[in-house]
N, C-alpha and C. Protein backbone atom coordinates (compact mmCIF):
# COMPACT_ATOMS: atom_id res chain seq x y z
N UNK A 1 69.56 57.39 70.20
CA UNK A 1 70.09 58.27 69.16
C UNK A 1 69.39 59.62 69.21
N UNK A 2 70.14 60.70 69.09
CA UNK A 2 69.51 62.02 69.08
C UNK A 2 68.71 62.26 67.80
N UNK A 3 67.89 63.28 67.83
CA UNK A 3 67.09 63.65 66.67
C UNK A 3 67.96 63.93 65.45
N UNK A 4 69.08 64.64 65.66
CA UNK A 4 70.05 64.96 64.61
C UNK A 4 71.44 64.57 65.12
N UNK A 5 72.22 63.93 64.28
CA UNK A 5 73.55 63.44 64.69
C UNK A 5 74.56 64.58 64.77
N UNK A 6 75.31 64.67 65.89
CA UNK A 6 76.38 65.68 65.97
C UNK A 6 77.44 65.44 64.89
N UNK A 7 78.01 66.51 64.39
CA UNK A 7 79.07 66.41 63.39
C UNK A 7 80.43 66.35 64.07
N UNK A 8 81.42 65.91 63.33
CA UNK A 8 82.79 65.83 63.83
C UNK A 8 83.27 67.22 64.27
N UNK A 9 84.04 67.29 65.35
CA UNK A 9 84.53 68.60 65.81
C UNK A 9 85.31 69.39 64.76
N UNK A 10 85.86 68.70 63.76
CA UNK A 10 86.62 69.38 62.70
C UNK A 10 85.76 69.81 61.52
N UNK A 11 84.46 69.63 61.60
CA UNK A 11 83.57 69.93 60.48
C UNK A 11 83.67 71.39 60.04
N UNK A 12 83.66 72.29 61.00
CA UNK A 12 83.73 73.73 60.68
C UNK A 12 84.86 74.33 61.51
N UNK A 13 85.91 74.77 60.85
CA UNK A 13 87.12 75.23 61.54
C UNK A 13 86.84 76.45 62.40
N UNK A 14 86.00 77.37 61.93
CA UNK A 14 85.68 78.56 62.74
C UNK A 14 84.95 78.17 64.01
N UNK A 15 84.00 77.24 63.91
CA UNK A 15 83.30 76.76 65.10
C UNK A 15 84.28 76.07 66.04
N UNK A 16 85.16 75.25 65.49
CA UNK A 16 86.14 74.54 66.32
C UNK A 16 86.98 75.51 67.13
N UNK A 17 87.43 76.59 66.49
CA UNK A 17 88.26 77.58 67.19
C UNK A 17 87.45 78.26 68.29
N UNK A 18 86.24 78.69 67.99
CA UNK A 18 85.39 79.33 69.00
C UNK A 18 85.06 78.38 70.13
N UNK A 19 84.88 77.10 69.81
CA UNK A 19 84.46 76.11 70.80
C UNK A 19 85.55 75.78 71.81
N UNK A 20 86.76 76.28 71.61
CA UNK A 20 87.81 76.09 72.62
C UNK A 20 87.39 76.68 73.96
N UNK A 21 86.48 77.65 73.92
CA UNK A 21 85.90 78.24 75.13
C UNK A 21 85.34 77.15 76.05
N UNK A 22 84.74 76.12 75.49
CA UNK A 22 84.10 75.09 76.30
C UNK A 22 85.11 74.15 76.97
N UNK A 23 86.35 74.13 76.48
CA UNK A 23 87.37 73.34 77.16
C UNK A 23 87.62 73.89 78.56
N UNK A 24 87.45 75.20 78.72
CA UNK A 24 87.58 75.82 80.04
C UNK A 24 86.32 75.57 80.87
N UNK A 25 85.17 75.80 80.28
CA UNK A 25 83.93 75.74 81.06
C UNK A 25 83.52 74.32 81.41
N UNK A 26 83.72 73.37 80.49
CA UNK A 26 83.23 72.00 80.68
C UNK A 26 84.32 70.94 80.61
N UNK A 27 85.41 71.25 79.91
CA UNK A 27 86.45 70.27 79.69
C UNK A 27 86.27 69.50 78.39
N UNK A 28 85.29 69.89 77.61
CA UNK A 28 85.00 69.25 76.32
C UNK A 28 84.07 70.15 75.53
N UNK A 29 84.00 69.91 74.21
CA UNK A 29 83.02 70.61 73.37
C UNK A 29 81.70 69.86 73.46
N UNK A 30 80.62 70.52 73.84
CA UNK A 30 79.35 69.80 74.01
C UNK A 30 78.75 69.33 72.68
N UNK A 31 78.07 68.19 72.77
CA UNK A 31 77.40 67.64 71.59
C UNK A 31 76.36 68.58 71.02
N UNK A 32 75.80 69.44 71.86
CA UNK A 32 74.82 70.40 71.34
C UNK A 32 75.45 71.31 70.30
N UNK A 33 76.68 71.78 70.57
CA UNK A 33 77.38 72.65 69.62
C UNK A 33 77.76 71.87 68.36
N UNK A 34 78.16 70.61 68.54
CA UNK A 34 78.52 69.79 67.39
C UNK A 34 77.30 69.56 66.49
N UNK A 35 76.12 69.54 67.08
CA UNK A 35 74.89 69.41 66.29
C UNK A 35 74.55 70.72 65.59
N UNK A 36 74.74 71.84 66.27
CA UNK A 36 74.47 73.15 65.67
C UNK A 36 75.32 73.38 64.43
N UNK A 37 76.47 72.70 64.34
CA UNK A 37 77.37 72.87 63.19
C UNK A 37 76.71 72.53 61.86
N UNK A 38 75.59 71.82 61.87
CA UNK A 38 74.91 71.56 60.61
C UNK A 38 74.59 72.88 59.90
N UNK A 39 74.47 73.93 60.71
CA UNK A 39 74.34 75.29 60.18
C UNK A 39 75.36 76.14 60.94
N UNK A 40 76.58 76.25 60.40
CA UNK A 40 77.67 76.91 61.13
C UNK A 40 77.35 78.32 61.62
N UNK A 41 76.50 79.03 60.92
CA UNK A 41 76.15 80.37 61.40
C UNK A 41 75.48 80.29 62.76
N UNK A 42 74.70 79.24 62.99
CA UNK A 42 74.04 79.06 64.29
C UNK A 42 75.07 78.70 65.35
N UNK A 43 75.95 77.75 65.06
CA UNK A 43 76.93 77.35 66.07
C UNK A 43 77.83 78.52 66.46
N UNK A 44 78.25 79.30 65.48
CA UNK A 44 79.14 80.42 65.79
C UNK A 44 78.42 81.53 66.56
N UNK A 45 77.20 81.84 66.16
CA UNK A 45 76.43 82.86 66.88
C UNK A 45 76.15 82.41 68.31
N UNK A 46 75.81 81.13 68.47
CA UNK A 46 75.54 80.61 69.81
C UNK A 46 76.77 80.73 70.71
N UNK A 47 77.92 80.31 70.22
CA UNK A 47 79.13 80.36 71.06
C UNK A 47 79.45 81.80 71.46
N UNK A 48 79.33 82.73 70.51
CA UNK A 48 79.62 84.13 70.84
C UNK A 48 78.62 84.69 71.85
N UNK A 49 77.34 84.32 71.73
CA UNK A 49 76.35 84.75 72.72
C UNK A 49 76.68 84.13 74.08
N UNK A 50 77.02 82.85 74.09
CA UNK A 50 77.36 82.17 75.34
C UNK A 50 78.52 82.87 76.03
N UNK A 51 79.55 83.20 75.28
CA UNK A 51 80.72 83.87 75.86
C UNK A 51 80.34 85.24 76.45
N UNK A 52 79.49 85.99 75.74
CA UNK A 52 79.08 87.31 76.23
C UNK A 52 78.23 87.19 77.49
N UNK A 53 77.29 86.27 77.48
CA UNK A 53 76.38 86.11 78.62
C UNK A 53 77.12 85.61 79.85
N UNK A 54 78.05 84.69 79.67
CA UNK A 54 78.71 84.06 80.81
C UNK A 54 79.96 84.79 81.28
N UNK A 55 80.33 85.90 80.62
CA UNK A 55 81.50 86.66 81.05
C UNK A 55 81.30 87.14 82.49
N UNK A 56 82.36 87.07 83.27
CA UNK A 56 82.32 87.52 84.66
C UNK A 56 82.51 89.04 84.69
N UNK A 57 81.45 89.76 85.01
CA UNK A 57 81.48 91.22 85.02
C UNK A 57 81.61 91.78 86.43
N UNK A 58 81.66 90.89 87.45
CA UNK A 58 81.77 91.39 88.83
C UNK A 58 81.04 90.52 89.82
N UNK A 59 80.01 91.09 90.46
CA UNK A 59 79.35 90.40 91.58
C UNK A 59 78.52 89.18 91.16
N UNK A 60 78.01 89.16 89.95
CA UNK A 60 77.31 87.96 89.46
C UNK A 60 78.42 87.04 88.95
N UNK A 61 78.97 86.27 89.87
CA UNK A 61 80.17 85.48 89.59
C UNK A 61 79.90 84.38 88.57
N UNK A 62 80.98 83.84 88.04
CA UNK A 62 80.86 82.73 87.09
C UNK A 62 80.14 81.55 87.73
N UNK A 63 80.45 81.26 88.98
CA UNK A 63 79.79 80.14 89.67
C UNK A 63 78.30 80.42 89.86
N UNK A 64 77.95 81.65 90.26
CA UNK A 64 76.54 81.99 90.46
C UNK A 64 75.78 81.92 89.14
N UNK A 65 76.40 82.36 88.05
CA UNK A 65 75.73 82.27 86.74
C UNK A 65 75.40 80.82 86.41
N UNK A 66 76.31 79.91 86.73
CA UNK A 66 76.04 78.50 86.45
C UNK A 66 74.96 77.93 87.38
N UNK A 67 74.88 78.43 88.61
CA UNK A 67 73.80 77.99 89.50
C UNK A 67 72.45 78.54 89.03
N UNK A 68 72.45 79.77 88.52
CA UNK A 68 71.24 80.33 87.91
C UNK A 68 70.81 79.44 86.74
N UNK A 69 71.78 79.02 85.94
CA UNK A 69 71.50 78.14 84.80
C UNK A 69 70.94 76.81 85.28
N UNK A 70 71.47 76.28 86.38
CA UNK A 70 70.98 75.00 86.90
C UNK A 70 69.52 75.12 87.34
N UNK A 71 69.20 76.19 88.09
CA UNK A 71 67.82 76.37 88.55
C UNK A 71 66.88 76.48 87.35
N UNK A 72 67.27 77.24 86.33
CA UNK A 72 66.45 77.38 85.13
C UNK A 72 66.26 76.02 84.46
N UNK A 73 67.33 75.26 84.31
CA UNK A 73 67.26 73.96 83.65
C UNK A 73 66.46 72.96 84.48
N UNK A 74 66.56 73.06 85.79
CA UNK A 74 65.78 72.17 86.66
C UNK A 74 64.29 72.48 86.51
N UNK A 75 63.96 73.76 86.39
CA UNK A 75 62.56 74.16 86.23
C UNK A 75 61.96 73.61 84.94
N UNK A 76 62.76 73.56 83.89
CA UNK A 76 62.24 73.09 82.60
C UNK A 76 62.41 71.59 82.42
N UNK A 77 63.24 70.96 83.27
CA UNK A 77 63.40 69.51 83.22
C UNK A 77 64.46 68.99 82.28
N UNK A 78 65.33 69.87 81.76
CA UNK A 78 66.36 69.41 80.83
C UNK A 78 67.54 68.84 81.60
N UNK A 79 67.66 67.54 81.59
CA UNK A 79 68.71 66.87 82.35
C UNK A 79 70.10 67.11 81.76
N UNK A 80 70.16 67.25 80.46
CA UNK A 80 71.43 67.57 79.80
C UNK A 80 71.98 68.89 80.33
N UNK A 81 71.13 69.90 80.37
CA UNK A 81 71.56 71.23 80.82
C UNK A 81 71.78 71.28 82.32
N UNK A 82 71.02 70.52 83.09
CA UNK A 82 71.26 70.44 84.53
C UNK A 82 72.69 69.95 84.78
N UNK A 83 73.07 68.89 84.07
CA UNK A 83 74.40 68.30 84.24
C UNK A 83 75.50 69.27 83.82
N UNK A 84 75.31 69.94 82.69
CA UNK A 84 76.32 70.90 82.22
C UNK A 84 76.44 72.08 83.18
N UNK A 85 75.32 72.57 83.69
CA UNK A 85 75.36 73.74 84.57
C UNK A 85 76.07 73.42 85.88
N UNK A 86 75.78 72.25 86.46
CA UNK A 86 76.42 71.92 87.74
C UNK A 86 77.91 71.64 87.53
N UNK A 87 78.26 71.04 86.38
CA UNK A 87 79.68 70.80 86.09
C UNK A 87 80.43 72.12 85.94
N UNK A 88 79.85 73.06 85.21
CA UNK A 88 80.50 74.35 85.02
C UNK A 88 80.59 75.12 86.33
N UNK A 89 79.56 75.03 87.18
CA UNK A 89 79.62 75.69 88.50
C UNK A 89 80.79 75.14 89.31
N UNK A 90 80.96 73.84 89.24
CA UNK A 90 82.09 73.19 89.94
C UNK A 90 83.42 73.69 89.39
N UNK A 91 83.55 73.72 88.07
CA UNK A 91 84.81 74.11 87.43
C UNK A 91 85.13 75.59 87.65
N UNK A 92 84.10 76.40 87.90
CA UNK A 92 84.31 77.83 88.13
C UNK A 92 84.34 78.18 89.61
N UNK A 93 84.62 77.20 90.45
CA UNK A 93 84.88 77.48 91.85
C UNK A 93 83.65 77.59 92.73
N UNK A 94 82.55 76.98 92.33
CA UNK A 94 81.38 76.96 93.20
C UNK A 94 81.73 76.32 94.53
N UNK A 95 81.23 76.89 95.62
CA UNK A 95 81.54 76.36 96.94
C UNK A 95 80.96 74.96 97.09
N UNK A 96 81.75 74.07 97.66
CA UNK A 96 81.34 72.67 97.81
C UNK A 96 79.98 72.55 98.50
N UNK A 97 79.78 73.31 99.55
CA UNK A 97 78.53 73.22 100.30
C UNK A 97 77.34 73.66 99.45
N UNK A 98 77.55 74.65 98.60
CA UNK A 98 76.47 75.09 97.71
C UNK A 98 76.18 74.03 96.66
N UNK A 99 77.22 73.45 96.06
CA UNK A 99 77.01 72.43 95.05
C UNK A 99 76.29 71.21 95.63
N UNK A 100 76.67 70.84 96.85
CA UNK A 100 76.05 69.69 97.50
C UNK A 100 74.60 69.94 97.88
N UNK A 101 74.23 71.22 98.02
CA UNK A 101 72.89 71.55 98.54
C UNK A 101 72.11 72.48 97.61
N UNK A 102 72.42 72.46 96.32
CA UNK A 102 71.76 73.35 95.37
C UNK A 102 70.24 73.16 95.38
N UNK A 103 69.78 71.94 95.62
CA UNK A 103 68.34 71.69 95.65
C UNK A 103 67.66 72.46 96.78
N UNK A 104 68.41 72.77 97.82
CA UNK A 104 67.85 73.41 99.02
C UNK A 104 68.31 74.86 99.16
N UNK A 105 68.54 75.53 98.05
CA UNK A 105 69.09 76.89 98.11
C UNK A 105 68.22 77.85 98.90
N UNK A 106 66.92 77.61 98.93
CA UNK A 106 66.01 78.54 99.62
C UNK A 106 66.18 78.53 101.13
N UNK A 107 66.64 77.42 101.67
CA UNK A 107 66.72 77.29 103.13
C UNK A 107 68.12 76.99 103.65
N UNK A 108 69.02 76.54 102.80
CA UNK A 108 70.34 76.14 103.29
C UNK A 108 71.21 77.35 103.60
N UNK A 109 71.95 77.25 104.71
CA UNK A 109 72.76 78.38 105.19
C UNK A 109 73.92 78.73 104.27
N UNK A 110 74.26 77.85 103.31
CA UNK A 110 75.37 78.14 102.40
C UNK A 110 75.04 79.25 101.41
N UNK A 111 73.74 79.59 101.28
CA UNK A 111 73.31 80.58 100.31
C UNK A 111 72.93 81.88 100.99
N UNK A 112 73.41 83.00 100.45
CA UNK A 112 73.07 84.32 100.97
C UNK A 112 71.68 84.73 100.49
N UNK A 113 71.15 85.77 101.10
CA UNK A 113 69.84 86.29 100.65
C UNK A 113 69.94 86.83 99.22
N UNK A 114 71.08 87.41 98.87
CA UNK A 114 71.26 87.92 97.51
C UNK A 114 71.24 86.75 96.51
N UNK A 115 71.92 85.67 96.85
CA UNK A 115 71.92 84.50 95.97
C UNK A 115 70.53 83.89 95.87
N UNK A 116 69.82 83.82 96.98
CA UNK A 116 68.45 83.28 96.95
C UNK A 116 67.55 84.12 96.05
N UNK A 117 67.71 85.44 96.12
CA UNK A 117 66.90 86.32 95.27
C UNK A 117 67.20 86.05 93.80
N UNK A 118 68.48 85.87 93.47
CA UNK A 118 68.87 85.59 92.09
C UNK A 118 68.33 84.24 91.62
N UNK A 119 68.41 83.23 92.47
CA UNK A 119 67.96 81.89 92.09
C UNK A 119 66.44 81.81 92.03
N UNK A 120 65.75 82.53 92.91
CA UNK A 120 64.29 82.59 92.82
C UNK A 120 63.84 83.31 91.54
N UNK A 121 64.59 84.33 91.15
CA UNK A 121 64.33 85.02 89.88
C UNK A 121 64.46 84.04 88.72
N UNK A 122 65.52 83.23 88.76
CA UNK A 122 65.72 82.23 87.71
C UNK A 122 64.55 81.25 87.64
N UNK A 123 64.12 80.79 88.79
CA UNK A 123 62.99 79.85 88.82
C UNK A 123 61.73 80.49 88.27
N UNK A 124 61.42 81.70 88.71
CA UNK A 124 60.20 82.38 88.26
C UNK A 124 60.24 82.70 86.77
N UNK A 125 61.40 83.15 86.28
CA UNK A 125 61.53 83.53 84.87
C UNK A 125 61.52 82.32 83.94
N UNK A 126 61.78 81.15 84.47
CA UNK A 126 61.84 79.94 83.66
C UNK A 126 60.50 79.21 83.58
N UNK A 127 59.52 79.67 84.32
CA UNK A 127 58.21 79.03 84.33
C UNK A 127 57.39 79.44 83.10
N UNK A 128 56.49 78.56 82.71
CA UNK A 128 55.51 78.89 81.67
C UNK A 128 54.13 78.62 82.27
N UNK A 129 53.30 79.66 82.48
CA UNK A 129 53.58 81.07 82.19
C UNK A 129 54.62 81.66 83.14
N UNK A 130 55.21 82.75 82.71
CA UNK A 130 56.25 83.43 83.47
C UNK A 130 55.70 83.89 84.82
N UNK A 131 56.52 83.72 85.87
CA UNK A 131 56.07 84.02 87.23
C UNK A 131 56.82 85.19 87.87
N UNK A 132 57.56 85.96 87.08
CA UNK A 132 58.23 87.13 87.65
C UNK A 132 57.16 88.15 88.02
N UNK A 133 57.20 88.61 89.27
CA UNK A 133 56.16 89.49 89.79
C UNK A 133 56.79 90.62 90.60
N UNK A 134 56.00 91.54 91.14
CA UNK A 134 56.57 92.65 91.91
C UNK A 134 57.39 92.20 93.12
N UNK A 135 57.04 91.11 93.74
CA UNK A 135 57.82 90.62 94.88
C UNK A 135 59.22 90.17 94.44
N UNK A 136 59.28 89.43 93.34
CA UNK A 136 60.58 89.01 92.80
C UNK A 136 61.42 90.23 92.45
N UNK A 137 60.79 91.22 91.81
CA UNK A 137 61.50 92.45 91.43
C UNK A 137 62.03 93.17 92.67
N UNK A 138 61.20 93.31 93.69
CA UNK A 138 61.61 94.02 94.91
C UNK A 138 62.80 93.32 95.57
N UNK A 139 62.75 92.01 95.64
CA UNK A 139 63.85 91.26 96.26
C UNK A 139 65.13 91.41 95.44
N UNK A 140 65.03 91.39 94.11
CA UNK A 140 66.21 91.59 93.28
C UNK A 140 66.85 92.94 93.56
N UNK A 141 66.02 93.98 93.61
CA UNK A 141 66.54 95.34 93.77
C UNK A 141 67.10 95.61 95.17
N UNK A 142 66.79 94.74 96.13
CA UNK A 142 67.42 94.85 97.46
C UNK A 142 68.90 94.50 97.40
N UNK A 143 69.28 93.70 96.42
CA UNK A 143 70.64 93.15 96.41
C UNK A 143 71.44 93.42 95.14
N UNK A 144 70.76 93.71 94.03
CA UNK A 144 71.44 93.76 92.74
C UNK A 144 71.07 95.03 91.97
N UNK A 145 72.00 95.50 91.13
CA UNK A 145 71.68 96.67 90.31
C UNK A 145 71.14 96.22 88.95
N UNK A 146 70.75 97.17 88.13
CA UNK A 146 70.09 96.82 86.87
C UNK A 146 71.00 96.07 85.91
N UNK A 147 72.26 96.45 85.85
CA UNK A 147 73.19 95.73 84.99
C UNK A 147 73.34 94.28 85.41
N UNK A 148 73.38 94.05 86.72
CA UNK A 148 73.49 92.68 87.23
C UNK A 148 72.23 91.87 86.94
N UNK A 149 71.08 92.51 87.02
CA UNK A 149 69.82 91.82 86.70
C UNK A 149 69.80 91.45 85.21
N UNK A 150 70.32 92.34 84.36
CA UNK A 150 70.42 92.03 82.93
C UNK A 150 71.33 90.80 82.72
N UNK A 151 72.45 90.75 83.44
CA UNK A 151 73.33 89.58 83.34
C UNK A 151 72.58 88.29 83.70
N UNK A 152 71.84 88.35 84.79
CA UNK A 152 71.10 87.16 85.24
C UNK A 152 70.08 86.72 84.21
N UNK A 153 69.31 87.67 83.68
CA UNK A 153 68.29 87.31 82.71
C UNK A 153 68.93 86.83 81.40
N UNK A 154 70.12 87.32 81.10
CA UNK A 154 70.85 86.79 79.96
C UNK A 154 71.12 85.30 80.12
N UNK A 155 71.54 84.89 81.32
CA UNK A 155 71.80 83.47 81.59
C UNK A 155 70.50 82.67 81.48
N UNK A 156 69.45 83.16 82.11
CA UNK A 156 68.15 82.46 82.09
C UNK A 156 67.67 82.29 80.66
N UNK A 157 67.79 83.34 79.87
CA UNK A 157 67.31 83.29 78.48
C UNK A 157 68.18 82.38 77.62
N UNK A 158 69.50 82.42 77.83
CA UNK A 158 70.40 81.52 77.12
C UNK A 158 70.02 80.06 77.38
N UNK A 159 69.73 79.76 78.64
CA UNK A 159 69.39 78.38 78.98
C UNK A 159 67.96 78.03 78.57
N UNK A 160 67.12 79.02 78.38
CA UNK A 160 65.82 78.74 77.79
C UNK A 160 65.99 78.17 76.39
N UNK A 161 66.90 78.76 75.64
CA UNK A 161 67.24 78.25 74.31
C UNK A 161 67.84 76.85 74.40
N UNK A 162 68.83 76.70 75.29
CA UNK A 162 69.51 75.41 75.41
C UNK A 162 68.58 74.30 75.91
N UNK A 163 67.71 74.63 76.86
CA UNK A 163 66.79 73.61 77.37
C UNK A 163 65.90 73.08 76.25
N UNK A 164 65.40 73.97 75.42
CA UNK A 164 64.54 73.55 74.31
C UNK A 164 65.34 72.79 73.26
N UNK A 165 66.53 73.30 72.95
CA UNK A 165 67.38 72.65 71.96
C UNK A 165 67.70 71.22 72.38
N UNK A 166 68.24 71.06 73.57
CA UNK A 166 68.75 69.75 73.99
C UNK A 166 67.66 68.75 74.33
N UNK A 167 66.54 69.21 74.88
CA UNK A 167 65.47 68.26 75.15
C UNK A 167 64.75 67.86 73.87
N UNK A 168 64.64 68.76 72.91
CA UNK A 168 64.02 68.41 71.63
C UNK A 168 64.94 67.52 70.80
N UNK A 169 66.24 67.81 70.83
CA UNK A 169 67.22 67.01 70.09
C UNK A 169 67.47 65.66 70.75
N UNK A 170 67.24 65.58 72.07
CA UNK A 170 67.65 64.38 72.79
C UNK A 170 69.16 64.24 72.73
N UNK A 171 69.86 65.37 72.87
CA UNK A 171 71.31 65.41 72.74
C UNK A 171 71.97 64.39 73.67
N UNK A 172 72.86 63.58 73.12
CA UNK A 172 73.58 62.58 73.93
C UNK A 172 74.53 63.28 74.89
N UNK A 173 74.44 62.89 76.16
CA UNK A 173 75.24 63.56 77.19
C UNK A 173 76.65 62.97 77.27
N UNK A 174 77.61 63.81 77.55
CA UNK A 174 79.01 63.44 77.60
C UNK A 174 79.37 62.86 78.98
N UNK A 175 80.41 62.03 79.01
CA UNK A 175 80.80 61.35 80.26
C UNK A 175 81.13 62.33 81.38
N UNK A 176 81.84 63.40 81.06
CA UNK A 176 82.22 64.36 82.10
C UNK A 176 81.00 65.00 82.76
N UNK A 177 79.99 65.30 81.96
CA UNK A 177 78.76 65.89 82.50
C UNK A 177 78.02 64.88 83.36
N UNK A 178 78.02 63.62 82.94
CA UNK A 178 77.37 62.57 83.74
C UNK A 178 78.06 62.44 85.09
N UNK A 179 79.38 62.49 85.08
CA UNK A 179 80.15 62.36 86.32
C UNK A 179 79.77 63.45 87.33
N UNK A 180 79.72 64.70 86.89
CA UNK A 180 79.37 65.80 87.80
C UNK A 180 77.92 65.72 88.25
N UNK A 181 77.02 65.38 87.34
CA UNK A 181 75.60 65.28 87.69
C UNK A 181 75.37 64.17 88.70
N UNK A 182 76.03 63.05 88.50
CA UNK A 182 75.88 61.93 89.43
C UNK A 182 76.36 62.33 90.82
N UNK A 183 77.49 63.05 90.87
CA UNK A 183 78.06 63.45 92.16
C UNK A 183 77.14 64.41 92.91
N UNK A 184 76.63 65.43 92.23
CA UNK A 184 75.90 66.49 92.92
C UNK A 184 74.38 66.36 92.86
N UNK A 185 73.87 65.71 91.83
CA UNK A 185 72.42 65.67 91.62
C UNK A 185 71.84 64.27 91.76
N UNK A 186 72.70 63.27 91.72
CA UNK A 186 72.23 61.88 91.74
C UNK A 186 71.42 61.53 92.97
N UNK A 187 71.77 62.09 94.12
CA UNK A 187 71.05 61.75 95.36
C UNK A 187 69.61 62.24 95.33
N UNK A 188 69.31 63.14 94.37
CA UNK A 188 67.94 63.64 94.23
C UNK A 188 67.24 63.04 93.01
N UNK A 189 67.84 61.99 92.45
CA UNK A 189 67.17 61.26 91.38
C UNK A 189 67.56 61.65 89.97
N UNK A 190 68.62 62.47 89.81
CA UNK A 190 69.02 62.82 88.44
C UNK A 190 69.40 61.56 87.67
N UNK A 191 68.98 61.49 86.43
CA UNK A 191 69.38 60.42 85.53
C UNK A 191 69.46 60.99 84.12
N UNK A 192 70.07 60.24 83.21
CA UNK A 192 70.29 60.73 81.84
C UNK A 192 68.99 60.97 81.09
N UNK A 193 67.98 60.16 81.34
CA UNK A 193 66.73 60.29 80.60
C UNK A 193 66.96 60.11 79.12
N UNK A 194 66.35 60.96 78.31
CA UNK A 194 66.45 60.84 76.85
C UNK A 194 67.85 61.15 76.32
N UNK A 195 68.74 61.60 77.20
CA UNK A 195 70.09 61.99 76.78
C UNK A 195 71.09 60.84 76.90
N UNK A 196 70.60 59.65 77.19
CA UNK A 196 71.47 58.51 77.40
C UNK A 196 71.88 57.77 76.15
N UNK A 197 71.44 58.22 75.00
CA UNK A 197 71.83 57.60 73.75
C UNK A 197 70.92 56.50 73.26
N UNK A 198 69.79 56.31 73.97
CA UNK A 198 68.85 55.29 73.50
C UNK A 198 68.17 55.75 72.21
N UNK A 199 67.52 54.85 71.53
CA UNK A 199 66.82 55.21 70.29
C UNK A 199 65.77 56.24 70.60
N UNK A 200 65.76 57.32 69.84
CA UNK A 200 64.85 58.45 70.09
C UNK A 200 63.64 58.34 69.21
């Protein structure tokens, strides 16, 4: 059982309307949002921030944003967010070879140097203490402009919030997210962990 029980999707009509966004990204409304509804101002603000951060503005594609989210979530250990990020990357057209080899992004030929720089930035920015350094900055600026870097850090920061929320809540993971995580992450030992619905 999670720390706080998710509310019915119809609990707050404004949240329900905004949450239709997740039908595209995930195919369902996540339990994390249903839990945030205990304070509708939080659920609504979160959804609007999520939509702004994840909007496709150009070269930082929707699929790359979700891979950035996966690297960040992997660094912090949130299995709920790892599963959601890889599922959304799949739904937003992530290349099969990249999804199959996300663990090896640093060396696998499916990833460009620009993508590696973005994913290394995600890893460094998600560490405690923070590991962003002049080398990370230099590599980013070889491939990306300042607006694109802001987009990337928006994703990393959004998932910093989500990683803490879902791991602290022990949010119960949805079947669709389990399916995608098992397919792409299972061979590396992904499991539900505290998100499996056991007594918390």
